[in-house]
Amino acid sequence: MIGPLPSPRHEMFAQAVASGMSASKGYALAYSRPRDGATRACAARLLTDANVERRIAELRHEAAEQAGASLRLLIPALEERARAAIAAGRLREAVDVLKKLAGMSLARHPRAP
């Protein structure tokens, strides 16, 4: 873990890119500049900085771990809710809950073409 970057602008850029923002938007945000060709070029250059690359990877890894932890809590709760709905005869509710679970499962394990 390398932690936050020494430059606040580089850190803001890394956080923006790690959160899904394009590099040029992240650069424009971090440096308070309009998006143009120069911004895109500078963003591309900053993406090649080894420390920035590592920080983006670290932030993405942390986000993935948090999402996994959330799913580990959510899935058993939804399974229990579906069982309770089935036991109570509320089949439509049970089907809706099971659809949510199936969607989570498909998102984690997409079908092969």
PDB file of N, CA and C in Angstrom:
ATOM      1  N   MET A   1       0.850  -1.184   0.000  1.00  0.00           N
ATOM      2  CA  MET A   1       0.000   0.000   0.000  1.00  0.00           C
ATOM      3  C   MET A   1       0.888   1.237   0.000  1.00  0.00           C
ATOM      4  N   ILE A   2       0.634   2.115  -0.950  1.00  0.00           N
ATOM      5  CA  ILE A   2       1.462   3.313  -1.011  1.00  0.00           C
ATOM      6  C   ILE A   2       0.783   4.503  -0.325  1.00  0.00           C
ATOM      7  N   GLY A   3      -0.517   4.444  -0.116  1.00  0.00           N
ATOM      8  CA  GLY A   3      -1.228   5.536   0.540  1.00  0.00           C
ATOM      9  C   GLY A   3      -1.382   6.734  -0.368  1.00  0.00           C
ATOM     10  N   PRO A   4      -1.901   7.818   0.190  1.00  0.00           N
ATOM     11  CA  PRO A   4      -2.134   9.024  -0.617  1.00  0.00           C
ATOM     12  C   PRO A   4      -0.845   9.541  -1.252  1.00  0.00           C
ATOM     13  N   LEU A   5      -1.001  10.098  -2.428  1.00  0.00           N
ATOM     14  CA  LEU A   5       0.141  10.664  -3.140  1.00  0.00           C
ATOM     15  C   LEU A   5       0.550  11.988  -2.501  1.00  0.00           C
ATOM     16  N   PRO A   6       1.831  12.341  -2.579  1.00  0.00           N
ATOM     17  CA  PRO A   6       2.296  13.594  -1.962  1.00  0.00           C
ATOM     18  C   PRO A   6       1.641  14.835  -2.564  1.00  0.00           C
ATOM     19  N   SER A   7       1.376  14.798  -3.853  1.00  0.00           N
ATOM     20  CA  SER A   7       0.752  15.942  -4.509  1.00  0.00           C
ATOM     21  C   SER A   7      -0.776  15.836  -4.376  1.00  0.00           C
ATOM     22  N   PRO A   8      -1.416  16.835  -3.776  1.00  0.00           N
ATOM     23  CA  PRO A   8      -2.879  16.781  -3.647  1.00  0.00           C
ATOM     24  C   PRO A   8      -3.580  16.695  -5.010  1.00  0.00           C
ATOM     25  N   ARG A   9      -3.000  17.332  -6.020  1.00  0.00           N
ATOM     26  CA  ARG A   9      -3.615  17.282  -7.352  1.00  0.00           C
ATOM     27  C   ARG A   9      -3.494  15.885  -7.958  1.00  0.00           C
ATOM     28  N   HIS A  10      -2.351  15.259  -7.765  1.00  0.00           N
ATOM     29  CA  HIS A  10      -2.183  13.896  -8.269  1.00  0.00           C
ATOM     30  C   HIS A  10      -3.138  12.948  -7.548  1.00  0.00           C
ATOM     31  N   GLU A  11      -3.286  13.143  -6.245  1.00  0.00           N
ATOM     32  CA  GLU A  11      -4.203  12.304  -5.472  1.00  0.00           C
ATOM     33  C   GLU A  11      -5.646  12.490  -5.942  1.00  0.00           C
ATOM     34  N   MET A  12      -6.055  13.726  -6.168  1.00  0.00           N
ATOM     35  CA  MET A  12      -7.413  13.986  -6.648  1.00  0.00           C
ATOM     36  C   MET A  12      -7.621  13.344  -8.022  1.00  0.00           C
ATOM     37  N   PHE A  13      -6.619  13.458  -8.875  1.00  0.00           N
ATOM     38  CA  PHE A  13      -6.680  12.842 -10.201  1.00  0.00           C
ATOM     39  C   PHE A  13      -6.826  11.330 -10.063  1.00  0.00           C
ATOM     40  N   ALA A  14      -6.004  10.713  -9.226  1.00  0.00           N
ATOM     41  CA  ALA A  14      -6.050   9.253  -9.041  1.00  0.00           C
ATOM     42  C   ALA A  14      -7.405   8.818  -8.501  1.00  0.00           C
ATOM     43  N   GLN A  15      -7.941   9.550  -7.549  1.00  0.00           N
ATOM     44  CA  GLN A  15      -9.251   9.199  -6.988  1.00  0.00           C
ATOM     45  C   GLN A  15     -10.346   9.328  -8.036  1.00  0.00           C
ATOM     46  N   ALA A  16     -10.270  10.356  -8.857  1.00  0.00           N
ATOM     47  CA  ALA A  16     -11.279  10.551  -9.898  1.00  0.00           C
ATOM     48  C   ALA A  16     -11.235   9.411 -10.917  1.00  0.00           C
ATOM     49  N   VAL A  17     -10.036   9.052 -11.362  1.00  0.00           N
ATOM     50  CA  VAL A  17      -9.899   7.978 -12.349  1.00  0.00           C
ATOM     51  C   VAL A  17     -10.317   6.643 -11.741  1.00  0.00           C
ATOM     52  N   ALA A  18      -9.924   6.386 -10.497  1.00  0.00           N
ATOM     53  CA  ALA A  18     -10.282   5.132  -9.832  1.00  0.00           C
ATOM     54  C   ALA A  18     -11.792   5.004  -9.649  1.00  0.00           C
ATOM     55  N   SER A  19     -12.481   6.126  -9.517  1.00  0.00           N
ATOM     56  CA  SER A  19     -13.930   6.087  -9.328  1.00  0.00           C
ATOM     57  C   SER A  19     -14.688   5.940 -10.649  1.00  0.00           C
ATOM     58  N   GLY A  20     -13.954   5.932 -11.778  1.00  0.00           N
ATOM     59  CA  GLY A  20     -14.598   5.720 -13.065  1.00  0.00           C
ATOM     60  C   GLY A  20     -14.634   6.934 -13.973  1.00  0.00           C
ATOM     61  N   MET A  21     -14.139   8.040 -13.509  1.00  0.00           N
ATOM     62  CA  MET A  21     -14.110   9.245 -14.332  1.00  0.00           C
ATOM     63  C   MET A  21     -13.015   9.091 -15.388  1.00  0.00           C
ATOM     64  N   SER A  22     -13.215   9.690 -16.540  1.00  0.00           N
ATOM     65  CA  SER A  22     -12.173   9.627 -17.572  1.00  0.00           C
ATOM     66  C   SER A  22     -10.949  10.401 -17.085  1.00  0.00           C
ATOM     67  N   ALA A  23      -9.801  10.055 -17.654  1.00  0.00           N
ATOM     68  CA  ALA A  23      -8.560  10.718 -17.261  1.00  0.00           C
ATOM     69  C   ALA A  23      -8.620  12.215 -17.553  1.00  0.00           C
ATOM     70  N   SER A  24      -9.182  12.587 -18.705  1.00  0.00           N
ATOM     71  CA  SER A  24      -9.219  14.015 -19.033  1.00  0.00           C
ATOM     72  C   SER A  24     -10.150  14.777 -18.094  1.00  0.00           C
ATOM     73  N   LYS A  25     -11.280  14.169 -17.727  1.00  0.00           N
ATOM     74  CA  LYS A  25     -12.174  14.827 -16.758  1.00  0.00           C
ATOM     75  C   LYS A  25     -11.511  14.923 -15.392  1.00  0.00           C
ATOM     76  N   GLY A  26     -10.831  13.852 -14.997  1.00  0.00           N
ATOM     77  CA  GLY A  26     -10.131  13.865 -13.711  1.00  0.00           C
ATOM     78  C   GLY A  26      -9.047  14.919 -13.660  1.00  0.00           C
ATOM     79  N   TYR A  27      -8.312  15.053 -14.755  1.00  0.00           N
ATOM     80  CA  TYR A  27      -7.259  16.064 -14.817  1.00  0.00           C
ATOM     81  C   TYR A  27      -7.867  17.464 -14.762  1.00  0.00           C
ATOM     82  N   ALA A  28      -8.934  17.684 -15.530  1.00  0.00           N
ATOM     83  CA  ALA A  28      -9.594  18.993 -15.530  1.00  0.00           C
ATOM     84  C   ALA A  28     -10.100  19.340 -14.133  1.00  0.00           C
ATOM     85  N   LEU A  29     -10.627  18.338 -13.424  1.00  0.00           N
ATOM     86  CA  LEU A  29     -11.113  18.555 -12.060  1.00  0.00           C
ATOM     87  C   LEU A  29      -9.958  18.883 -11.119  1.00  0.00           C
ATOM     88  N   ALA A  30      -8.909  18.078 -11.158  1.00  0.00           N
ATOM     89  CA  ALA A  30      -7.790  18.248 -10.237  1.00  0.00           C
ATOM     90  C   ALA A  30      -7.027  19.546 -10.459  1.00  0.00           C
ATOM     91  N   TYR A  31      -6.942  19.974 -11.712  1.00  0.00           N
ATOM     92  CA  TYR A  31      -6.152  21.161 -12.031  1.00  0.00           C
ATOM     93  C   TYR A  31      -7.002  22.377 -12.381  1.00  0.00           C
ATOM     94  N   SER A  32      -8.313  22.265 -12.241  1.00  0.00           N
ATOM     95  CA  SER A  32      -9.237  23.368 -12.528  1.00  0.00           C
ATOM     96  C   SER A  32      -8.966  23.968 -13.908  1.00  0.00           C
ATOM     97  N   ARG A  33      -8.948  23.098 -14.894  1.00  0.00           N
ATOM     98  CA  ARG A  33      -8.695  23.527 -16.271  1.00  0.00           C
ATOM     99  C   ARG A  33      -9.833  23.065 -17.163  1.00  0.00           C
ATOM    100  N   PRO A  34     -10.055  23.773 -18.260  1.00  0.00           N
ATOM    101  CA  PRO A  34     -11.067  23.311 -19.204  1.00  0.00           C
ATOM    102  C   PRO A  34     -10.579  22.063 -19.931  1.00  0.00           C
ATOM    103  N   ARG A  35     -11.510  21.232 -20.345  1.00  0.00           N
ATOM    104  CA  ARG A  35     -11.142  20.028 -21.089  1.00  0.00           C
ATOM    105  C   ARG A  35     -10.851  20.409 -22.533  1.00  0.00           C
ATOM    106  N   ASP A  36      -9.635  20.166 -22.959  1.00  0.00           N
ATOM    107  CA  ASP A  36      -9.242  20.416 -24.346  1.00  0.00           C
ATOM    108  C   ASP A  36      -8.123  19.452 -24.697  1.00  0.00           C
ATOM    109  N   GLY A  37      -7.490  19.657 -25.816  1.00  0.00           N
ATOM    110  CA  GLY A  37      -6.426  18.763 -26.251  1.00  0.00           C
ATOM    111  C   GLY A  37      -5.258  18.711 -25.280  1.00  0.00           C
ATOM    112  N   ALA A  38      -4.905  19.864 -24.743  1.00  0.00           N
ATOM    113  CA  ALA A  38      -3.787  19.907 -23.796  1.00  0.00           C
ATOM    114  C   ALA A  38      -4.121  19.135 -22.520  1.00  0.00           C
ATOM    115  N   THR A  39      -5.352  19.262 -22.071  1.00  0.00           N
ATOM    116  CA  THR A  39      -5.784  18.538 -20.870  1.00  0.00           C
ATOM    117  C   THR A  39      -5.712  17.041 -21.107  1.00  0.00           C
ATOM    118  N   ARG A  40      -6.177  16.592 -22.278  1.00  0.00           N
ATOM    119  CA  ARG A  40      -6.125  15.165 -22.604  1.00  0.00           C
ATOM    120  C   ARG A  40      -4.681  14.668 -22.651  1.00  0.00           C
ATOM    121  N   ALA A  41      -3.805  15.458 -23.236  1.00  0.00           N
ATOM    122  CA  ALA A  41      -2.397  15.067 -23.331  1.00  0.00           C
ATOM    123  C   ALA A  41      -1.754  14.989 -21.950  1.00  0.00           C
ATOM    124  N   CYS A  42      -2.036  15.972 -21.118  1.00  0.00           N
ATOM    125  CA  CYS A  42      -1.469  15.980 -19.765  1.00  0.00           C
ATOM    126  C   CYS A  42      -2.019  14.817 -18.936  1.00  0.00           C
ATOM    127  N   ALA A  43      -3.296  14.526 -19.108  1.00  0.00           N
ATOM    128  CA  ALA A  43      -3.907  13.410 -18.389  1.00  0.00           C
ATOM    129  C   ALA A  43      -3.276  12.094 -18.813  1.00  0.00           C
ATOM    130  N   ALA A  44      -3.050  11.930 -20.107  1.00  0.00           N
ATOM    131  CA  ALA A  44      -2.425  10.710 -20.613  1.00  0.00           C
ATOM    132  C   ALA A  44      -1.010  10.567 -20.056  1.00  0.00           C
ATOM    133  N   ARG A  45      -0.296  11.659 -19.988  1.00  0.00           N
ATOM    134  CA  ARG A  45       1.062  11.634 -19.443  1.00  0.00           C
ATOM    135  C   ARG A  45       1.047  11.271 -17.966  1.00  0.00           C
ATOM    136  N   LEU A  46       0.106  11.847 -17.219  1.00  0.00           N
ATOM    137  CA  LEU A  46       0.016  11.581 -15.782  1.00  0.00           C
ATOM    138  C   LEU A  46      -0.362  10.124 -15.506  1.00  0.00           C
ATOM    139  N   LEU A  47      -1.144   9.546 -16.400  1.00  0.00           N
ATOM    140  CA  LEU A  47      -1.511   8.133 -16.239  1.00  0.00           C
ATOM    141  C   LEU A  47      -0.297   7.213 -16.337  1.00  0.00           C
ATOM    142  N   THR A  48       0.768   7.662 -16.972  1.00  0.00           N
ATOM    143  CA  THR A  48       1.959   6.823 -17.111  1.00  0.00           C
ATOM    144  C   THR A  48       2.892   6.938 -15.909  1.00  0.00           C
ATOM    145  N   ASP A  49       2.621   7.855 -14.998  1.00  0.00           N
ATOM    146  CA  ASP A  49       3.430   7.994 -13.789  1.00  0.00           C
ATOM    147  C   ASP A  49       3.228   6.741 -12.931  1.00  0.00           C
ATOM    148  N   ALA A  50       4.317   6.071 -12.575  1.00  0.00           N
ATOM    149  CA  ALA A  50       4.230   4.799 -11.852  1.00  0.00           C
ATOM    150  C   ALA A  50       3.499   4.939 -10.517  1.00  0.00           C
ATOM    151  N   ASN A  51       3.749   6.015  -9.794  1.00  0.00           N
ATOM    152  CA  ASN A  51       3.091   6.200  -8.498  1.00  0.00           C
ATOM    153  C   ASN A  51       1.589   6.437  -8.664  1.00  0.00           C
ATOM    154  N   VAL A  52       1.228   7.181  -9.681  1.00  0.00           N
ATOM    155  CA  VAL A  52      -0.195   7.429  -9.953  1.00  0.00           C
ATOM    156  C   VAL A  52      -0.867   6.124 -10.362  1.00  0.00           C
ATOM    157  N   GLU A  53      -0.207   5.350 -11.219  1.00  0.00           N
ATOM    158  CA  GLU A  53      -0.755   4.046 -11.629  1.00  0.00           C
ATOM    159  C   GLU A  53      -0.983   3.148 -10.427  1.00  0.00           C
ATOM    160  N   ARG A  54       0.002   3.069  -9.535  1.00  0.00           N
ATOM    161  CA  ARG A  54      -0.130   2.233  -8.333  1.00  0.00           C
ATOM    162  C   ARG A  54      -1.260   2.721  -7.441  1.00  0.00           C
ATOM    163  N   ARG A  55      -1.382   4.026  -7.305  1.00  0.00           N
ATOM    164  CA  ARG A  55      -2.429   4.582  -6.438  1.00  0.00           C
ATOM    165  C   ARG A  55      -3.813   4.281  -7.004  1.00  0.00           C
ATOM    166  N   ILE A  56      -3.981   4.404  -8.318  1.00  0.00           N
ATOM    167  CA  ILE A  56      -5.270   4.088  -8.949  1.00  0.00           C
ATOM    168  C   ILE A  56      -5.601   2.612  -8.715  1.00  0.00           C
ATOM    169  N   ALA A  57      -4.619   1.742  -8.901  1.00  0.00           N
ATOM    170  CA  ALA A  57      -4.837   0.311  -8.674  1.00  0.00           C
ATOM    171  C   ALA A  57      -5.196   0.045  -7.217  1.00  0.00           C
ATOM    172  N   GLU A  58      -4.517   0.727  -6.302  1.00  0.00           N
ATOM    173  CA  GLU A  58      -4.788   0.552  -4.870  1.00  0.00           C
ATOM    174  C   GLU A  58      -6.215   0.996  -4.534  1.00  0.00           C
ATOM    175  N   LEU A  59      -6.624   2.139  -5.051  1.00  0.00           N
ATOM    176  CA  LEU A  59      -7.975   2.637  -4.777  1.00  0.00           C
ATOM    177  C   LEU A  59      -9.033   1.701  -5.356  1.00  0.00           C
ATOM    178  N   ARG A  60      -8.800   1.186  -6.548  1.00  0.00           N
ATOM    179  CA  ARG A  60      -9.747   0.251  -7.162  1.00  0.00           C
ATOM    180  C   ARG A  60      -9.827  -1.045  -6.369  1.00  0.00           C
ATOM    181  N   HIS A  61      -8.691  -1.514  -5.876  1.00  0.00           N
ATOM    182  CA  HIS A  61      -8.657  -2.736  -5.070  1.00  0.00           C
ATOM    183  C   HIS A  61      -9.452  -2.539  -3.775  1.00  0.00           C
ATOM    184  N   GLU A  62      -9.253  -1.399  -3.114  1.00  0.00           N
ATOM    185  CA  GLU A  62      -9.993  -1.100  -1.885  1.00  0.00           C
ATOM    186  C   GLU A  62     -11.495  -1.057  -2.153  1.00  0.00           C
ATOM    187  N   ALA A  63     -11.885  -0.445  -3.258  1.00  0.00           N
ATOM    188  CA  ALA A  63     -13.310  -0.362  -3.604  1.00  0.00           C
ATOM    189  C   ALA A  63     -13.885  -1.752  -3.869  1.00  0.00           C
ATOM    190  N   ALA A  64     -13.113  -2.602  -4.543  1.00  0.00           N
ATOM    191  CA  ALA A  64     -13.572  -3.963  -4.831  1.00  0.00           C
ATOM    192  C   ALA A  64     -13.730  -4.762  -3.539  1.00  0.00           C
ATOM    193  N   GLU A  65     -12.813  -4.590  -2.600  1.00  0.00           N
ATOM    194  CA  GLU A  65     -12.923  -5.278  -1.311  1.00  0.00           C
ATOM    195  C   GLU A  65     -14.164  -4.821  -0.557  1.00  0.00           C
ATOM    196  N   GLN A  66     -14.440  -3.526  -0.572  1.00  0.00           N
ATOM    197  CA  GLN A  66     -15.626  -3.007   0.115  1.00  0.00           C
ATOM    198  C   GLN A  66     -16.901  -3.529  -0.528  1.00  0.00           C
ATOM    199  N   ALA A  67     -16.912  -3.599  -1.857  1.00  0.00           N
ATOM    200  CA  ALA A  67     -18.095  -4.120  -2.554  1.00  0.00           C
ATOM    201  C   ALA A  67     -18.302  -5.588  -2.219  1.00  0.00           C
ATOM    202  N   GLY A  68     -17.221  -6.349  -2.177  1.00  0.00           N
ATOM    203  CA  GLY A  68     -17.320  -7.763  -1.822  1.00  0.00           C
ATOM    204  C   GLY A  68     -17.846  -7.957  -0.419  1.00  0.00           C
ATOM    205  N   ALA A  69     -17.378  -7.139   0.515  1.00  0.00           N
ATOM    206  CA  ALA A  69     -17.852  -7.223   1.900  1.00  0.00           C
ATOM    207  C   ALA A  69     -19.344  -6.895   1.970  1.00  0.00           C
ATOM    208  N   SER A  70     -19.776  -5.909   1.204  1.00  0.00           N
ATOM    209  CA  SER A  70     -21.197  -5.553   1.187  1.00  0.00           C
ATOM    210  C   SER A  70     -22.039  -6.706   0.652  1.00  0.00           C
ATOM    211  N   LEU A  71     -21.559  -7.349  -0.407  1.00  0.00           N
ATOM    212  CA  LEU A  71     -22.296  -8.479  -0.980  1.00  0.00           C
ATOM    213  C   LEU A  71     -22.357  -9.659  -0.017  1.00  0.00           C
ATOM    214  N   ARG A  72     -21.275  -9.888   0.729  1.00  0.00           N
ATOM    215  CA  ARG A  72     -21.278 -10.990   1.695  1.00  0.00           C
ATOM    216  C   ARG A  72     -22.324 -10.778   2.780  1.00  0.00           C
ATOM    217  N   LEU A  73     -22.670  -9.541   3.047  1.00  0.00           N
ATOM    218  CA  LEU A  73     -23.728  -9.250   4.025  1.00  0.00           C
ATOM    219  C   LEU A  73     -25.110  -9.243   3.378  1.00  0.00           C
ATOM    220  N   LEU A  74     -25.195  -8.731   2.182  1.00  0.00           N
ATOM    221  CA  LEU A  74     -26.476  -8.546   1.519  1.00  0.00           C
ATOM    222  C   LEU A  74     -27.085  -9.855   1.026  1.00  0.00           C
ATOM    223  N   ILE A  75     -26.287 -10.720   0.445  1.00  0.00           N
ATOM    224  CA  ILE A  75     -26.824 -11.947  -0.156  1.00  0.00           C
ATOM    225  C   ILE A  75     -27.520 -12.833   0.870  1.00  0.00           C
ATOM    226  N   PRO A  76     -26.926 -13.135   2.024  1.00  0.00           N
ATOM    227  CA  PRO A  76     -27.655 -13.956   3.005  1.00  0.00           C
ATOM    228  C   PRO A  76     -28.952 -13.297   3.490  1.00  0.00           C
ATOM    229  N   ALA A  77     -28.940 -11.983   3.622  1.00  0.00           N
ATOM    230  CA  ALA A  77     -30.154 -11.281   4.056  1.00  0.00           C
ATOM    231  C   ALA A  77     -31.256 -11.425   3.008  1.00  0.00           C
ATOM    232  N   LEU A  78     -30.909 -11.306   1.730  1.00  0.00           N
ATOM    233  CA  LEU A  78     -31.908 -11.470   0.674  1.00  0.00           C
ATOM    234  C   LEU A  78     -32.395 -12.918   0.587  1.00  0.00           C
ATOM    235  N   GLU A  79     -31.501 -13.875   0.788  1.00  0.00           N
ATOM    236  CA  GLU A  79     -31.923 -15.280   0.783  1.00  0.00           C
ATOM    237  C   GLU A  79     -32.932 -15.545   1.893  1.00  0.00           C
ATOM    238  N   GLU A  80     -32.663 -15.017   3.070  1.00  0.00           N
ATOM    239  CA  GLU A  80     -33.585 -15.190   4.198  1.00  0.00           C
ATOM    240  C   GLU A  80     -34.928 -14.526   3.911  1.00  0.00           C
ATOM    241  N   ARG A  81     -34.881 -13.358   3.308  1.00  0.00           N
ATOM    242  CA  ARG A  81     -36.122 -12.653   2.964  1.00  0.00           C
ATOM    243  C   ARG A  81     -36.948 -13.462   1.963  1.00  0.00           C
ATOM    244  N   ALA A  82     -36.289 -14.083   0.990  1.00  0.00           N
ATOM    245  CA  ALA A  82     -36.997 -14.914   0.009  1.00  0.00           C
ATOM    246  C   ALA A  82     -37.618 -16.128   0.688  1.00  0.00           C
ATOM    247  N   ARG A  83     -36.862 -16.780   1.582  1.00  0.00           N
ATOM    248  CA  ARG A  83     -37.413 -17.941   2.308  1.00  0.00           C
ATOM    249  C   ARG A  83     -38.633 -17.550   3.133  1.00  0.00           C
ATOM    250  N   ALA A  84     -38.541 -16.409   3.800  1.00  0.00           N
ATOM    251  CA  ALA A  84     -39.661 -15.954   4.626  1.00  0.00           C
ATOM    252  C   ALA A  84     -40.879 -15.647   3.761  1.00  0.00           C
ATOM    253  N   ALA A  85     -40.657 -15.046   2.616  1.00  0.00           N
ATOM    254  CA  ALA A  85     -41.767 -14.727   1.714  1.00  0.00           C
ATOM    255  C   ALA A  85     -42.415 -16.004   1.189  1.00  0.00           C
ATOM    256  N   ILE A  86     -41.602 -16.995   0.848  1.00  0.00           N
ATOM    257  CA  ILE A  86     -42.153 -18.274   0.377  1.00  0.00           C
ATOM    258  C   ILE A  86     -42.954 -18.943   1.485  1.00  0.00           C
ATOM    259  N   ALA A  87     -42.422 -18.948   2.701  1.00  0.00           N
ATOM    260  CA  ALA A  87     -43.106 -19.577   3.834  1.00  0.00           C
ATOM    261  C   ALA A  87     -44.432 -18.887   4.127  1.00  0.00           C
ATOM    262  N   ALA A  88     -44.493 -17.578   3.884  1.00  0.00           N
ATOM    263  CA  ALA A  88     -45.715 -16.827   4.155  1.00  0.00           C
ATOM    264  C   ALA A  88     -46.669 -16.822   2.960  1.00  0.00           C
ATOM    265  N   GLY A  89     -46.261 -17.468   1.864  1.00  0.00           N
ATOM    266  CA  GLY A  89     -47.126 -17.523   0.689  1.00  0.00           C
ATOM    267  C   GLY A  89     -47.073 -16.291  -0.187  1.00  0.00           C
ATOM    268  N   ARG A  90     -46.118 -15.438   0.045  1.00  0.00           N
ATOM    269  CA  ARG A  90     -45.973 -14.224  -0.770  1.00  0.00           C
ATOM    270  C   ARG A  90     -45.005 -14.523  -1.912  1.00  0.00           C
ATOM    271  N   LEU A  91     -45.499 -15.267  -2.893  1.00  0.00           N
ATOM    272  CA  LEU A  91     -44.640 -15.764  -3.954  1.00  0.00           C
ATOM    273  C   LEU A  91     -44.125 -14.658  -4.867  1.00  0.00           C
ATOM    274  N   ARG A  92     -44.943 -13.657  -5.130  1.00  0.00           N
ATOM    275  CA  ARG A  92     -44.489 -12.560  -5.997  1.00  0.00           C
ATOM    276  C   ARG A  92     -43.298 -11.849  -5.364  1.00  0.00           C
ATOM    277  N   GLU A  93     -43.381 -11.592  -4.075  1.00  0.00           N
ATOM    278  CA  GLU A  93     -42.261 -10.951  -3.372  1.00  0.00           C
ATOM    279  C   GLU A  93     -41.022 -11.846  -3.412  1.00  0.00           C
ATOM    280  N   ALA A  94     -41.232 -13.152  -3.216  1.00  0.00           N
ATOM    281  CA  ALA A  94     -40.113 -14.094  -3.245  1.00  0.00           C
ATOM    282  C   ALA A  94     -39.449 -14.099  -4.615  1.00  0.00           C
ATOM    283  N   VAL A  95     -40.242 -14.076  -5.669  1.00  0.00           N
ATOM    284  CA  VAL A  95     -39.686 -14.054  -7.022  1.00  0.00           C
ATOM    285  C   VAL A  95     -38.893 -12.775  -7.250  1.00  0.00           C
ATOM    286  N   ASP A  96     -39.405 -11.642  -6.793  1.00  0.00           N
ATOM    287  CA  ASP A  96     -38.677 -10.373  -6.946  1.00  0.00           C
ATOM    288  C   ASP A  96     -37.326 -10.420  -6.232  1.00  0.00           C
ATOM    289  N   VAL A  97     -37.309 -10.964  -5.028  1.00  0.00           N
ATOM    290  CA  VAL A  97     -36.058 -11.073  -4.268  1.00  0.00           C
ATOM    291  C   VAL A  97     -35.089 -12.012  -4.977  1.00  0.00           C
ATOM    292  N   LEU A  98     -35.618 -13.131  -5.471  1.00  0.00           N
ATOM    293  CA  LEU A  98     -34.752 -14.088  -6.176  1.00  0.00           C
ATOM    294  C   LEU A  98     -34.205 -13.494  -7.474  1.00  0.00           C
ATOM    295  N   LYS A  99     -34.975 -12.639  -8.124  1.00  0.00           N
ATOM    296  CA  LYS A  99     -34.471 -11.960  -9.324  1.00  0.00           C
ATOM    297  C   LYS A  99     -33.285 -11.062  -8.968  1.00  0.00           C
ATOM    298  N   LYS A 100     -33.392 -10.373  -7.827  1.00  0.00           N
ATOM    299  CA  LYS A 100     -32.281  -9.530  -7.382  1.00  0.00           C
ATOM    300  C   LYS A 100     -31.041 -10.380  -7.138  1.00  0.00           C
ATOM    301  N   LEU A 101     -31.241 -11.510  -6.477  1.00  0.00           N
ATOM    302  CA  LEU A 101     -30.117 -12.402  -6.214  1.00  0.00           C
ATOM    303  C   LEU A 101     -29.516 -12.928  -7.508  1.00  0.00           C
ATOM    304  N   ALA A 102     -30.345 -13.298  -8.458  1.00  0.00           N
ATOM    305  CA  ALA A 102     -29.855 -13.801  -9.743  1.00  0.00           C
ATOM    306  C   ALA A 102     -29.082 -12.713 -10.473  1.00  0.00           C
ATOM    307  N   GLY A 103     -29.558 -11.493 -10.405  1.00  0.00           N
ATOM    308  CA  GLY A 103     -28.850 -10.381 -11.042  1.00  0.00           C
ATOM    309  C   GLY A 103     -27.484 -10.174 -10.429  1.00  0.00           C
ATOM    310  N   MET A 104     -27.379 -10.307  -9.125  1.00  0.00           N
ATOM    311  CA  MET A 104     -26.070 -10.182  -8.468  1.00  0.00           C
ATOM    312  C   MET A 104     -25.170 -11.321  -8.900  1.00  0.00           C
ATOM    313  N   SER A 105     -25.714 -12.483  -8.983  1.00  0.00           N
ATOM    314  CA  SER A 105     -24.923 -13.652  -9.368  1.00  0.00           C
ATOM    315  C   SER A 105     -24.446 -13.507 -10.810  1.00  0.00           C
ATOM    316  N   LEU A 106     -25.303 -13.056 -11.706  1.00  0.00           N
ATOM    317  CA  LEU A 106     -24.913 -12.878 -13.104  1.00  0.00           C
ATOM    318  C   LEU A 106     -23.884 -11.783 -13.258  1.00  0.00           C
ATOM    319  N   ALA A 107     -23.996 -10.733 -12.449  1.00  0.00           N
ATOM    320  CA  ALA A 107     -23.023  -9.653 -12.528  1.00  0.00           C
ATOM    321  C   ALA A 107     -21.638 -10.125 -12.076  1.00  0.00           C
ATOM    322  N   ARG A 108     -21.604 -11.043 -11.146  1.00  0.00           N
ATOM    323  CA  ARG A 108     -20.327 -11.556 -10.651  1.00  0.00           C
ATOM    324  C   ARG A 108     -19.777 -12.654 -11.558  1.00  0.00           C
ATOM    325  N   HIS A 109     -20.669 -13.390 -12.245  1.00  0.00           N
ATOM    326  CA  HIS A 109     -20.264 -14.513 -13.098  1.00  0.00           C
ATOM    327  C   HIS A 109     -20.993 -14.431 -14.429  1.00  0.00           C
ATOM    328  N   PRO A 110     -20.565 -13.532 -15.325  1.00  0.00           N
ATOM    329  CA  PRO A 110     -21.270 -13.405 -16.610  1.00  0.00           C
ATOM    330  C   PRO A 110     -21.167 -14.689 -17.435  1.00  0.00           C
ATOM    331  N   ARG A 111     -22.173 -14.908 -18.247  1.00  0.00           N
ATOM    332  CA  ARG A 111     -22.192 -16.097 -19.105  1.00  0.00           C
ATOM    333  C   ARG A 111     -21.128 -15.988 -20.179  1.00  0.00           C
ATOM    334  N   ALA A 112     -20.579 -17.119 -20.530  1.00  0.00           N
ATOM    335  CA  ALA A 112     -19.604 -17.159 -21.626  1.00  0.00           C
ATOM    336  C   ALA A 112     -20.381 -17.102 -22.946  1.00  0.00           C
ATOM    337  N   PRO A 113     -19.833 -16.449 -23.969  1.00  0.00           N
ATOM    338  CA  PRO A 113     -20.552 -16.343 -25.258  1.00  0.00           C
ATOM    339  C   PRO A 113     -20.626 -17.672 -25.980  1.00  0.00           C
TER     340      PRO A 113
END
